[in-house]
């Protein structure tokens, strides 16, 4: 029973570290820049 409690405690600690790491590193959004593409319309 002691080993299961220790395993759960370690897993919770790792999950907390993962959440903190994601909070700092996980916001890697791409830089946005405007893109203009000319379109030629043929009118009959």
PDB file of N, CA and C in Angstrom:
ATOM      1  N   UNK A   1       0.833  -1.192   0.000  1.00  0.00           N
ATOM      2  CA  UNK A   1       0.000   0.000   0.000  1.00  0.00           C
ATOM      3  C   UNK A   1       0.875   1.253   0.000  1.00  0.00           C
ATOM      4  N   UNK A   2       1.986   1.200   0.683  1.00  0.00           N
ATOM      5  CA  UNK A   2       2.889   2.337   0.769  1.00  0.00           C
ATOM      6  C   UNK A   2       3.476   2.658  -0.613  1.00  0.00           C
ATOM      7  N   UNK A   3       3.770   1.616  -1.407  1.00  0.00           N
ATOM      8  CA  UNK A   3       4.353   1.837  -2.721  1.00  0.00           C
ATOM      9  C   UNK A   3       3.357   2.475  -3.683  1.00  0.00           C
ATOM     10  N   UNK A   4       2.104   2.086  -3.567  1.00  0.00           N
ATOM     11  CA  UNK A   4       1.077   2.684  -4.422  1.00  0.00           C
ATOM     12  C   UNK A   4       0.902   4.157  -4.073  1.00  0.00           C
ATOM     13  N   UNK A   5       0.904   4.475  -2.795  1.00  0.00           N
ATOM     14  CA  UNK A   5       0.794   5.873  -2.369  1.00  0.00           C
ATOM     15  C   UNK A   5       1.988   6.682  -2.869  1.00  0.00           C
ATOM     16  N   UNK A   6       3.174   6.112  -2.782  1.00  0.00           N
ATOM     17  CA  UNK A   6       4.380   6.797  -3.254  1.00  0.00           C
ATOM     18  C   UNK A   6       4.318   6.994  -4.773  1.00  0.00           C
ATOM     19  N   UNK A   7       3.834   5.985  -5.502  1.00  0.00           N
ATOM     20  CA  UNK A   7       3.721   6.090  -6.956  1.00  0.00           C
ATOM     21  C   UNK A   7       2.733   7.189  -7.345  1.00  0.00           C
ATOM     22  N   UNK A   8       1.597   7.249  -6.684  1.00  0.00           N
ATOM     23  CA  UNK A   8       0.615   8.290  -6.966  1.00  0.00           C
ATOM     24  C   UNK A   8       1.186   9.667  -6.650  1.00  0.00           C
ATOM     25  N   UNK A   9       1.913   9.772  -5.558  1.00  0.00           N
ATOM     26  CA  UNK A   9       2.525  11.042  -5.183  1.00  0.00           C
ATOM     27  C   UNK A   9       3.548  11.489  -6.224  1.00  0.00           C
ATOM     28  N   UNK A  10       4.360  10.579  -6.702  1.00  0.00           N
ATOM     29  CA  UNK A  10       5.358  10.911  -7.731  1.00  0.00           C
ATOM     30  C   UNK A  10       4.667  11.310  -9.033  1.00  0.00           C
ATOM     31  N   UNK A  11       3.617  10.594  -9.399  1.00  0.00           N
ATOM     32  CA  UNK A  11       2.892  10.938 -10.629  1.00  0.00           C
ATOM     33  C   UNK A  11       2.237  12.305 -10.522  1.00  0.00           C
ATOM     34  N   UNK A  12       1.696  12.645  -9.366  1.00  0.00           N
ATOM     35  CA  UNK A  12       1.103  13.972  -9.175  1.00  0.00           C
ATOM     36  C   UNK A  12       2.170  15.063  -9.243  1.00  0.00           C
ATOM     37  N   UNK A  13       3.325  14.788  -8.686  1.00  0.00           N
ATOM     38  CA  UNK A  13       4.428  15.748  -8.751  1.00  0.00           C
ATOM     39  C   UNK A  13       4.889  15.961 -10.193  1.00  0.00           C
ATOM     40  N   UNK A  14       5.011  14.887 -10.949  1.00  0.00           N
ATOM     41  CA  UNK A  14       5.396  15.005 -12.360  1.00  0.00           C
ATOM     42  C   UNK A  14       4.330  15.741 -13.169  1.00  0.00           C
ATOM     43  N   UNK A  15       3.072  15.502 -12.866  1.00  0.00           N
ATOM     44  CA  UNK A  15       1.993  16.199 -13.563  1.00  0.00           C
ATOM     45  C   UNK A  15       2.031  17.685 -13.253  1.00  0.00           C
ATOM     46  N   UNK A  16       2.311  18.047 -12.010  1.00  0.00           N
ATOM     47  CA  UNK A  16       2.403  19.462 -11.648  1.00  0.00           C
ATOM     48  C   UNK A  16       3.571  20.131 -12.368  1.00  0.00           C
ATOM     49  N   UNK A  17       4.700  19.447 -12.447  1.00  0.00           N
ATOM     50  CA  UNK A  17       5.855  19.994 -13.175  1.00  0.00           C
ATOM     51  C   UNK A  17       5.527  20.144 -14.655  1.00  0.00           C
ATOM     52  N   UNK A  18       4.810  19.182 -15.217  1.00  0.00           N
ATOM     53  CA  UNK A  18       4.442  19.255 -16.630  1.00  0.00           C
ATOM     54  C   UNK A  18       3.507  20.430 -16.896  1.00  0.00           C
ATOM     55  N   UNK A  19       2.569  20.697 -15.997  1.00  0.00           N
ATOM     56  CA  UNK A  19       1.648  21.822 -16.171  1.00  0.00           C
ATOM     57  C   UNK A  19       2.405  23.142 -16.111  1.00  0.00           C
ATOM     58  N   UNK A  20       3.335  23.263 -15.187  1.00  0.00           N
ATOM     59  CA  UNK A  20       4.128  24.492 -15.088  1.00  0.00           C
ATOM     60  C   UNK A  20       5.000  24.669 -16.324  1.00  0.00           C
ATOM     61  N   UNK A  21       5.613  23.603 -16.803  1.00  0.00           N
ATOM     62  CA  UNK A  21       6.446  23.680 -18.008  1.00  0.00           C
ATOM     63  C   UNK A  21       5.596  24.065 -19.219  1.00  0.00           C
ATOM     64  N   UNK A  22       4.405  23.518 -19.327  1.00  0.00           N
ATOM     65  CA  UNK A  22       3.531  23.871 -20.441  1.00  0.00           C
ATOM     66  C   UNK A  22       3.103  25.333 -20.361  1.00  0.00           C
ATOM     67  N   UNK A  23       2.911  25.834 -19.169  1.00  0.00           N
ATOM     68  CA  UNK A  23       2.514  27.230 -19.005  1.00  0.00           C
ATOM     69  C   UNK A  23       3.608  28.169 -19.503  1.00  0.00           C
ATOM     70  N   UNK A  24       4.853  27.799 -19.302  1.00  0.00           N
ATOM     71  CA  UNK A  24       5.959  28.650 -19.739  1.00  0.00           C
ATOM     72  C   UNK A  24       6.331  28.418 -21.203  1.00  0.00           C
ATOM     73  N   UNK A  25       6.350  27.171 -21.642  1.00  0.00           N
ATOM     74  CA  UNK A  25       6.857  26.830 -22.971  1.00  0.00           C
ATOM     75  C   UNK A  25       5.733  26.615 -23.980  1.00  0.00           C
ATOM     76  N   UNK A  26       4.559  26.247 -23.529  1.00  0.00           N
ATOM     77  CA  UNK A  26       3.489  25.829 -24.425  1.00  0.00           C
ATOM     78  C   UNK A  26       2.878  26.925 -25.262  1.00  0.00           C
ATOM     79  N   UNK A  27       3.149  28.179 -24.952  1.00  0.00           N
ATOM     80  CA  UNK A  27       2.551  29.278 -25.711  1.00  0.00           C
ATOM     81  C   UNK A  27       3.477  29.686 -26.855  1.00  0.00           C
ATOM     82  N   UNK A  28       3.727  28.760 -27.750  1.00  0.00           N
ATOM     83  CA  UNK A  28       4.608  29.015 -28.885  1.00  0.00           C
ATOM     84  C   UNK A  28       3.759  29.250 -30.136  1.00  0.00           C
ATOM     85  N   UNK A  29       3.017  30.337 -30.147  1.00  0.00           N
ATOM     86  CA  UNK A  29       2.191  30.639 -31.295  1.00  0.00           C
ATOM     87  C   UNK A  29       3.045  31.225 -32.410  1.00  0.00           C
ATOM     88  N   UNK A  30       2.637  31.004 -33.624  1.00  0.00           N
ATOM     89  CA  UNK A  30       3.377  31.500 -34.775  1.00  0.00           C
ATOM     90  C   UNK A  30       3.213  33.016 -34.897  1.00  0.00           C
ATOM     91  N   UNK A  31       4.239  33.663 -35.414  1.00  0.00           N
ATOM     92  CA  UNK A  31       4.172  35.097 -35.645  1.00  0.00           C
ATOM     93  C   UNK A  31       3.262  35.357 -36.852  1.00  0.00           C
ATOM     94  N   UNK A  32       2.343  36.284 -36.691  1.00  0.00           N
ATOM     95  CA  UNK A  32       1.418  36.600 -37.777  1.00  0.00           C
ATOM     96  C   UNK A  32       1.942  37.776 -38.574  1.00  0.00           C
ATOM     97  N   UNK A  33       1.825  37.658 -39.883  1.00  0.00           N
ATOM     98  CA  UNK A  33       2.205  38.758 -40.762  1.00  0.00           C
ATOM     99  C   UNK A  33       1.206  38.800 -41.916  1.00  0.00           C
ATOM    100  N   UNK A  34       0.854  39.993 -42.356  1.00  0.00           N
ATOM    101  CA  UNK A  34      -0.116  40.095 -43.454  1.00  0.00           C
ATOM    102  C   UNK A  34       0.476  39.589 -44.769  1.00  0.00           C
ATOM    103  N   UNK A  35      -0.361  38.882 -45.515  1.00  0.00           N
ATOM    104  CA  UNK A  35       0.043  38.345 -46.819  1.00  0.00           C
ATOM    105  C   UNK A  35      -0.931  38.872 -47.852  1.00  0.00           C
ATOM    106  N   UNK A  36      -0.396  39.496 -48.886  1.00  0.00           N
ATOM    107  CA  UNK A  36      -1.236  40.020 -49.972  1.00  0.00           C
ATOM    108  C   UNK A  36      -0.957  39.234 -51.240  1.00  0.00           C
ATOM    109  N   UNK A  37      -2.029  38.711 -51.826  1.00  0.00           N
ATOM    110  CA  UNK A  37      -1.916  37.959 -53.069  1.00  0.00           C
ATOM    111  C   UNK A  37      -2.806  38.620 -54.113  1.00  0.00           C
ATOM    112  N   UNK A  38      -2.198  39.131 -55.189  1.00  0.00           N
ATOM    113  CA  UNK A  38      -3.019  39.754 -56.227  1.00  0.00           C
ATOM    114  C   UNK A  38      -3.852  38.708 -56.978  1.00  0.00           C
ATOM    115  N   UNK A  39      -5.092  39.070 -57.295  1.00  0.00           N
ATOM    116  CA  UNK A  39      -5.985  38.170 -58.013  1.00  0.00           C
ATOM    117  C   UNK A  39      -6.429  38.882 -59.286  1.00  0.00           C
ATOM    118  N   UNK A  40      -6.275  38.187 -60.412  1.00  0.00           N
ATOM    119  CA  UNK A  40      -6.685  38.760 -61.691  1.00  0.00           C
ATOM    120  C   UNK A  40      -8.029  38.126 -62.067  1.00  0.00           C
ATOM    121  N   UNK A  41      -9.050  38.971 -62.246  1.00  0.00           N
ATOM    122  CA  UNK A  41     -10.368  38.494 -62.647  1.00  0.00           C
ATOM    123  C   UNK A  41     -10.599  38.823 -64.108  1.00  0.00           C
ATOM    124  N   UNK A  42     -10.984  37.826 -64.867  1.00  0.00           N
ATOM    125  CA  UNK A  42     -11.289  38.047 -66.287  1.00  0.00           C
ATOM    126  C   UNK A  42     -12.765  38.348 -66.431  1.00  0.00           C
ATOM    127  N   UNK A  43     -13.050  39.487 -67.065  1.00  0.00           N
ATOM    128  CA  UNK A  43     -14.431  39.898 -67.266  1.00  0.00           C
ATOM    129  C   UNK A  43     -14.723  39.807 -68.763  1.00  0.00           C
ATOM    130  N   UNK A  44     -15.790  39.102 -69.143  1.00  0.00           N
ATOM    131  CA  UNK A  44     -16.163  38.970 -70.557  1.00  0.00           C
ATOM    132  C   UNK A  44     -17.126  40.062 -70.947  1.00  0.00           C
TER     133      UNK A  44
END
